[in-house]
């Protein structure tokens, strides 16, 4: 990626120089796992999750301060009538989060997860991507930087989620631009688009990608032209977590699109991330496959709000607890295999 002296340059350098896993922490975790009171591999993927926690946190697997971060943004593309809900719903749902009335509030309470909600200039929608770029380079970089501050205050497991009427259209456009195929393959119902509304959604994605086609080979340029504030903020949060050695769980279709931009810029950019679930959005599993990931859950959910990532955090917490809390053969006085 070439540099230009513009706001993206710092992010280009950051993405190109991401820290890797802590090998010794991984070795130590594997050694302990071999001594736990169970047959080798008996906990299946829970064991791999414990190893992943160790490698990317650089310490013994533990989840003591998990956080769900929800980023909310509005999109100018809703002027194309691509969703049955008005943009005002984004702000109303943010208030619902604050009042404890949303699904994510209940899941966070059930799994003892922290929750932060970030309102990203909801009164000022991004540009309509069928007519212009969503954001300027300066605004996109500033929003990524804002997202990086989501981990301020400390966490040891970050769950990324979003809220934004129209943002499954944005996610579809990003995936179509990155991976090709047809717009129809990437566009789904979102909040309930069907019939003529769904057709307008497909047409909006086609028109947007065609309009910006000459500028989409650069992932960050793709992000600013086709993305949105919550997309940019989630990308920034994922990057910040990598720099601070915080493992990440990515939520649904929209959050996965934000992650895909980073993967396009650096193939190793998401090594510290898990995909929490595969949503009911038709393009999500295809997008996950492009990232080379395997989701933890498949519950048919398509709500957003970080709900799938939060549910997956319960599994990650259990994986860490099993690894650190189980007795070894020696400490339990249990005979190991010969």
Protein backbone atom coordinates (compact mmCIF):
# COMPACT_ATOMS: atom_id res chain seq x y z
CA UNK A 1 0.00 0.00 0.00
CA UNK A 2 1.46 3.33 -1.01
CA UNK A 3 1.64 6.25 1.36
CA UNK A 4 0.34 9.71 0.59
CA UNK A 5 0.96 11.84 3.67
CA UNK A 6 -2.77 11.65 4.39
CA UNK A 7 -4.57 10.48 7.57
CA UNK A 8 -4.60 6.80 6.55
CA UNK A 9 -0.80 6.61 6.56
CA UNK A 10 -0.57 5.91 10.29
CA UNK A 11 -3.08 3.08 9.92
CA UNK A 12 -1.23 1.62 6.95
CA UNK A 13 1.94 1.45 9.03
CA UNK A 14 0.09 0.01 12.01
CA UNK A 15 -1.62 -2.70 9.95
CA UNK A 16 1.67 -3.65 8.30
CA UNK A 17 3.46 -4.12 11.64
CA UNK A 18 1.07 -6.02 13.90
CA UNK A 19 2.47 -8.00 16.83
CA UNK A 20 2.33 -11.78 16.60
CA UNK A 21 1.38 -14.40 19.19
CA UNK A 22 3.40 -15.02 22.36
CA UNK A 23 4.96 -18.40 21.68
CA UNK A 24 6.02 -19.17 25.25
CA UNK A 25 2.53 -18.58 26.60
CA UNK A 26 1.19 -21.02 24.02
CA UNK A 27 3.83 -23.62 24.90
CA UNK A 28 3.00 -23.29 28.59
CA UNK A 29 -0.72 -23.68 27.92
CA UNK A 30 -0.21 -26.81 25.85
CA UNK A 31 2.02 -28.26 28.55
CA UNK A 32 -0.57 -27.67 31.26
CA UNK A 33 -3.35 -29.07 29.06
CA UNK A 34 -1.42 -32.32 28.70
CA UNK A 35 -1.50 -32.76 32.49
CA UNK A 36 -5.21 -32.04 33.10
CA UNK A 37 -7.54 -34.80 34.29
CA UNK A 38 -8.98 -35.71 30.90
CA UNK A 39 -7.96 -37.66 27.81
CA UNK A 40 -5.94 -35.60 25.31
CA UNK A 41 -8.27 -33.58 23.09
CA UNK A 42 -11.37 -34.57 25.07
CA UNK A 43 -12.56 -30.96 25.38
CA UNK A 44 -12.31 -30.47 21.64
CA UNK A 45 -12.45 -26.87 20.53
CA UNK A 46 -12.49 -25.60 24.11
CA UNK A 47 -8.84 -26.61 24.30
CA UNK A 48 -8.01 -24.70 21.13
CA UNK A 49 -9.78 -21.64 22.51
CA UNK A 50 -7.68 -21.82 25.68
CA UNK A 51 -4.52 -22.00 23.57
CA UNK A 52 -5.73 -19.04 21.47
CA UNK A 53 -6.33 -17.00 24.63
CA UNK A 54 -2.83 -17.76 25.87
CA UNK A 55 -1.11 -16.99 22.58
CA UNK A 56 -2.82 -13.65 22.02
CA UNK A 57 -2.94 -12.39 25.61
CA UNK A 58 0.57 -13.56 26.42
CA UNK A 59 -0.45 -15.10 29.74
CA UNK A 60 -2.37 -17.97 31.27
CA UNK A 61 -5.85 -18.26 29.73
CA UNK A 62 -8.23 -16.07 31.72
CA UNK A 63 -11.29 -13.92 31.11
CA UNK A 64 -11.95 -11.63 34.06
CA UNK A 65 -13.03 -8.36 32.40
CA UNK A 66 -14.93 -9.20 29.22
CA UNK A 67 -16.46 -6.28 27.33
CA UNK A 68 -19.10 -6.00 24.62
CA UNK A 69 -18.57 -2.81 22.60
CA UNK A 70 -21.47 -1.71 20.38
CA UNK A 71 -20.88 0.98 17.76
CA UNK A 72 -23.92 2.74 16.31
CA UNK A 73 -23.99 4.70 13.06
CA UNK A 74 -26.45 5.97 10.45
CA UNK A 75 -26.15 5.69 6.68
CA UNK A 76 -27.10 7.97 3.84
CA UNK A 77 -27.91 4.98 1.64
CA UNK A 78 -31.19 4.57 3.53
CA UNK A 79 -32.48 7.36 1.26
CA UNK A 80 -32.66 4.66 -1.40
CA UNK A 81 -35.46 2.99 0.60
CA UNK A 82 -33.50 -0.22 1.15
CA UNK A 83 -34.91 -1.01 4.59
CA UNK A 84 -38.40 -1.11 6.14
CA UNK A 85 -37.21 0.80 9.23
CA UNK A 86 -36.42 4.53 9.34
CA UNK A 87 -32.95 5.75 10.44
CA UNK A 88 -34.47 7.13 13.66
CA UNK A 89 -34.58 3.54 14.95
CA UNK A 90 -30.79 3.57 15.39
CA UNK A 91 -30.96 6.34 17.98
CA UNK A 92 -34.03 4.78 19.60
CA UNK A 93 -32.22 1.46 19.97
CA UNK A 94 -29.18 3.16 21.47
CA UNK A 95 -31.53 4.58 24.11
CA UNK A 96 -32.95 1.09 24.58
CA UNK A 97 -29.44 -0.25 25.21
CA UNK A 98 -28.85 2.49 27.77
CA UNK A 99 -32.13 1.63 29.50
CA UNK A 100 -31.31 -2.07 29.66
CA UNK A 101 -34.18 -3.13 27.41
CA UNK A 102 -32.41 -4.84 24.49
CA UNK A 103 -31.47 -8.47 23.94
CA UNK A 104 -27.78 -7.65 24.40
CA UNK A 105 -28.47 -6.28 27.89
CA UNK A 106 -30.00 -9.59 28.93
CA UNK A 107 -27.16 -11.66 27.47
CA UNK A 108 -24.52 -9.47 29.11
CA UNK A 109 -26.29 -9.86 32.46
CA UNK A 110 -26.57 -13.63 32.03
CA UNK A 111 -22.86 -14.04 31.21
CA UNK A 112 -21.48 -11.27 33.44
CA UNK A 113 -20.14 -9.17 30.55
CA UNK A 114 -19.44 -5.47 30.55
CA UNK A 115 -21.24 -3.33 27.97
CA UNK A 116 -20.32 -0.05 26.31
CA UNK A 117 -22.37 1.67 23.60
CA UNK A 118 -20.84 4.28 21.30
CA UNK A 119 -23.08 6.79 19.47
CA UNK A 120 -21.25 7.81 16.29
CA UNK A 121 -22.82 11.12 15.18
CA UNK A 122 -26.24 9.60 14.58
CA UNK A 123 -27.72 12.94 13.57
CA UNK A 124 -25.24 13.12 10.68
CA UNK A 125 -25.57 10.10 8.39
CA UNK A 126 -22.69 9.15 6.14
CA UNK A 127 -22.79 9.97 2.44
CA UNK A 128 -25.09 7.90 0.25
CA UNK A 129 -22.67 5.33 -1.20
CA UNK A 130 -24.70 5.11 -4.41
CA UNK A 131 -23.86 8.78 -5.09
CA UNK A 132 -20.67 9.64 -3.18
CA UNK A 133 -18.12 8.32 -0.70
CA UNK A 134 -19.48 7.47 2.73
CA UNK A 135 -16.68 9.37 4.48
CA UNK A 136 -13.68 11.53 3.75
CA UNK A 137 -10.29 10.02 4.50
CA UNK A 138 -9.91 12.36 7.47
CA UNK A 139 -13.30 11.46 8.93
CA UNK A 140 -12.77 7.74 8.39
CA UNK A 141 -9.34 7.80 10.05
CA UNK A 142 -10.71 9.84 12.96
CA UNK A 143 -13.53 7.34 13.44
CA UNK A 144 -11.08 4.42 13.40
CA UNK A 145 -9.07 6.26 16.05
CA UNK A 146 -12.24 6.72 18.09
CA UNK A 147 -12.89 3.00 17.86
CA UNK A 148 -9.40 2.33 19.18
CA UNK A 149 -10.39 4.08 22.38
CA UNK A 150 -13.12 1.50 23.05
CA UNK A 151 -10.70 -0.58 25.09
CA UNK A 152 -9.77 2.32 27.36
CA UNK A 153 -10.35 1.31 30.95
CA UNK A 154 -9.14 -2.21 30.39
CA UNK A 155 -10.57 -5.51 29.20
CA UNK A 156 -9.18 -8.97 28.53
CA UNK A 157 -11.78 -10.10 25.97
CA UNK A 158 -13.39 -7.72 23.50
CA UNK A 159 -16.69 -8.54 21.77
CA UNK A 160 -17.41 -6.35 18.76
CA UNK A 161 -21.00 -5.46 17.80
CA UNK A 162 -23.00 -2.76 16.05
CA UNK A 163 -26.32 -1.05 15.47
CA UNK A 164 -27.26 0.90 12.37
CA UNK A 165 -30.30 0.92 10.12
CA UNK A 166 -29.06 0.19 6.60
CA UNK A 167 -25.76 -1.34 7.60
CA UNK A 168 -26.37 -4.80 6.14
CA UNK A 169 -26.48 -2.98 2.79
CA UNK A 170 -23.08 -1.53 3.66
CA UNK A 171 -21.75 -4.96 4.68
CA UNK A 172 -23.00 -6.47 1.42
CA UNK A 173 -21.29 -3.73 -0.59
CA UNK A 174 -17.99 -4.29 1.21
CA UNK A 175 -18.10 -8.04 0.64
CA UNK A 176 -19.14 -7.65 -2.99
CA UNK A 177 -16.27 -5.21 -3.56
CA UNK A 178 -13.75 -7.48 -1.81
CA UNK A 179 -14.78 -10.87 -3.12
CA UNK A 180 -16.81 -10.41 -6.29
CA UNK A 181 -19.62 -12.71 -7.34
CA UNK A 182 -22.95 -10.95 -7.66
CA UNK A 183 -24.58 -8.39 -5.43
CA UNK A 184 -27.53 -10.73 -4.98
CA UNK A 185 -25.24 -13.32 -3.38
CA UNK A 186 -24.21 -10.85 -0.68
CA UNK A 187 -27.51 -9.04 -0.03
CA UNK A 188 -29.94 -10.46 2.50
CA UNK A 189 -33.08 -9.34 4.33
CA UNK A 190 -31.32 -7.50 7.16
CA UNK A 191 -34.07 -6.04 9.32
CA UNK A 192 -36.73 -7.56 7.09
CA UNK A 193 -36.26 -6.25 3.55
CA UNK A 194 -38.27 -8.22 1.02
CA UNK A 195 -39.95 -7.76 -2.35
CA UNK A 196 -39.33 -4.36 -3.90
CA UNK A 197 -37.35 -3.19 -0.86
CA UNK A 198 -34.95 -6.11 -1.22
CA UNK A 199 -34.60 -5.45 -4.94
CA UNK A 200 -33.73 -1.80 -4.25
CA UNK A 201 -31.14 -3.03 -1.76
CA UNK A 202 -29.50 -5.23 -4.38
CA UNK A 203 -29.54 -2.40 -6.91
CA UNK A 204 -28.00 0.01 -4.38
CA UNK A 205 -25.11 -2.37 -3.73
CA UNK A 206 -24.52 -2.84 -7.46
CA UNK A 207 -24.61 0.90 -8.11
CA UNK A 208 -22.30 1.74 -5.18
CA UNK A 209 -19.61 -0.76 -6.11
CA UNK A 210 -19.73 0.31 -9.75
CA UNK A 211 -19.47 3.99 -8.80
CA UNK A 212 -16.37 3.46 -6.65
CA UNK A 213 -14.84 0.59 -8.62
CA UNK A 214 -11.64 2.40 -9.63
CA UNK A 215 -10.74 3.05 -5.97
CA UNK A 216 -11.46 -0.30 -4.29
CA UNK A 217 -8.09 -2.04 -4.62
CA UNK A 218 -6.92 -0.21 -1.48
CA UNK A 219 -8.75 -1.70 1.54
CA UNK A 220 -8.78 1.53 3.54
CA UNK A 221 -10.05 3.49 0.56
CA UNK A 222 -12.73 0.82 0.15
CA UNK A 223 -13.62 1.29 3.82
CA UNK A 224 -14.11 5.04 3.58
CA UNK A 225 -16.03 4.91 0.32
CA UNK A 226 -18.39 2.00 1.04
CA UNK A 227 -18.31 1.73 4.84
CA UNK A 228 -19.80 3.70 7.68
CA UNK A 229 -18.81 5.10 11.02
CA UNK A 230 -19.61 1.94 12.97
CA UNK A 231 -17.67 -0.12 10.41
CA UNK A 232 -14.62 2.13 10.73
CA UNK A 233 -14.86 2.20 14.52
CA UNK A 234 -15.05 -1.60 14.73
CA UNK A 235 -11.98 -1.89 12.51
CA UNK A 236 -10.16 0.52 14.83
CA UNK A 237 -11.21 -1.43 17.92
CA UNK A 238 -9.96 -4.70 16.43
CA UNK A 239 -6.60 -3.07 15.65
CA UNK A 240 -6.27 -1.55 19.11
CA UNK A 241 -7.03 -4.91 20.71
CA UNK A 242 -4.26 -6.51 18.68
CA UNK A 243 -1.75 -3.88 19.83
CA UNK A 244 -2.80 -4.35 23.47
CA UNK A 245 -2.88 -8.18 23.29
CA UNK A 246 -6.62 -8.45 23.83
CA UNK A 247 -8.36 -11.39 22.11
CA UNK A 248 -11.46 -10.40 20.11
CA UNK A 249 -14.77 -12.05 19.29
CA UNK A 250 -16.45 -10.70 16.16
CA UNK A 251 -20.24 -10.69 15.94
CA UNK A 252 -22.39 -10.95 12.81
CA UNK A 253 -22.45 -9.95 9.16
CA UNK A 254 -21.72 -6.26 9.65
CA UNK A 255 -18.92 -6.77 12.18
CA UNK A 256 -17.41 -9.42 9.92
CA UNK A 257 -17.37 -6.92 7.05
CA UNK A 258 -15.37 -4.49 9.19
CA UNK A 259 -12.92 -7.27 9.99
CA UNK A 260 -12.68 -8.25 6.31
CA UNK A 261 -11.23 -4.85 5.44
CA UNK A 262 -8.35 -5.47 7.84
CA UNK A 263 -7.81 -8.98 6.50
CA UNK A 264 -7.58 -7.55 2.99
CA UNK A 265 -4.88 -5.15 4.17
CA UNK A 266 -2.88 -7.77 6.09
CA UNK A 267 -3.65 -11.52 5.89
CA UNK A 268 -2.62 -11.95 9.55
CA UNK A 269 -4.73 -9.05 10.87
CA UNK A 270 -7.46 -11.26 12.35
CA UNK A 271 -5.34 -14.01 13.91
CA UNK A 272 -6.31 -12.71 17.36
CA UNK A 273 -10.02 -12.91 16.51
CA UNK A 274 -12.74 -15.54 16.69
CA UNK A 275 -16.08 -15.37 14.85
CA UNK A 276 -18.76 -15.67 17.52
CA UNK A 277 -21.53 -17.05 15.37
CA UNK A 278 -22.84 -17.46 11.86
CA UNK A 279 -25.95 -15.34 11.51
CA UNK A 280 -29.12 -15.96 9.54
CA UNK A 281 -27.98 -13.38 6.98
CA UNK A 282 -27.37 -15.38 3.79
CA UNK A 283 -23.96 -13.91 2.95
CA UNK A 284 -22.45 -14.31 6.40
CA UNK A 285 -21.18 -17.89 6.12
CA UNK A 286 -19.70 -17.08 2.72
CA UNK A 287 -17.92 -14.08 4.28
CA UNK A 288 -16.65 -16.18 7.19
CA UNK A 289 -15.25 -18.74 4.76
CA UNK A 290 -13.38 -15.96 2.96
CA UNK A 291 -11.75 -15.08 6.28
CA UNK A 292 -10.72 -18.69 6.87
CA UNK A 293 -12.61 -18.86 10.16
CA UNK A 294 -15.04 -21.28 11.81
CA UNK A 295 -17.86 -19.71 13.86
CA UNK A 296 -18.42 -20.90 17.41
CA UNK A 297 -22.22 -20.87 17.24
CA UNK A 298 -24.98 -21.28 14.65
CA UNK A 299 -28.27 -20.21 16.21
CA UNK A 300 -29.98 -18.59 13.23
CA UNK A 301 -29.68 -15.16 14.84
CA UNK A 302 -29.48 -11.96 12.77
CA UNK A 303 -30.07 -9.25 15.33
CA UNK A 304 -26.64 -7.64 15.56
CA UNK A 305 -26.04 -5.72 18.80
CA UNK A 306 -23.08 -7.99 19.54
CA UNK A 307 -25.51 -10.71 20.65
CA UNK A 308 -23.77 -13.62 18.92
CA UNK A 309 -20.34 -12.49 20.11
CA UNK A 310 -21.64 -12.12 23.66
CA UNK A 311 -23.08 -15.63 23.65
CA UNK A 312 -19.78 -16.94 22.33
CA UNK A 313 -17.98 -15.11 25.15
CA UNK A 314 -19.67 -17.52 27.55
CA UNK A 315 -17.98 -20.40 25.75
CA UNK A 316 -14.62 -18.62 25.82
CA UNK A 317 -15.00 -17.97 29.54
CA UNK A 318 -15.77 -21.65 30.07
CA UNK A 319 -12.71 -22.67 28.04
CA UNK A 320 -10.47 -20.49 30.21
CA UNK A 321 -12.07 -21.76 33.41
CA UNK A 322 -11.58 -25.39 32.43
CA UNK A 323 -7.95 -24.80 31.54
CA UNK A 324 -7.05 -22.95 34.72
CA UNK A 325 -9.42 -24.60 37.20
CA UNK A 326 -9.17 -28.28 36.40
CA UNK A 327 -6.89 -30.40 38.51
CA UNK A 328 -3.84 -32.10 37.05
CA UNK A 329 -3.43 -35.85 37.30
CA UNK A 330 -0.76 -35.32 39.94
CA UNK A 331 -2.70 -32.84 42.10
CA UNK A 332 -5.86 -34.93 41.98
CA UNK A 333 -4.13 -38.23 42.62
CA UNK A 334 -5.55 -39.65 39.37
CA UNK A 335 -3.51 -42.16 37.41
CA UNK A 336 -2.40 -40.88 34.04
CA UNK A 337 -2.01 -43.08 30.96
CA UNK A 338 1.15 -45.14 30.75
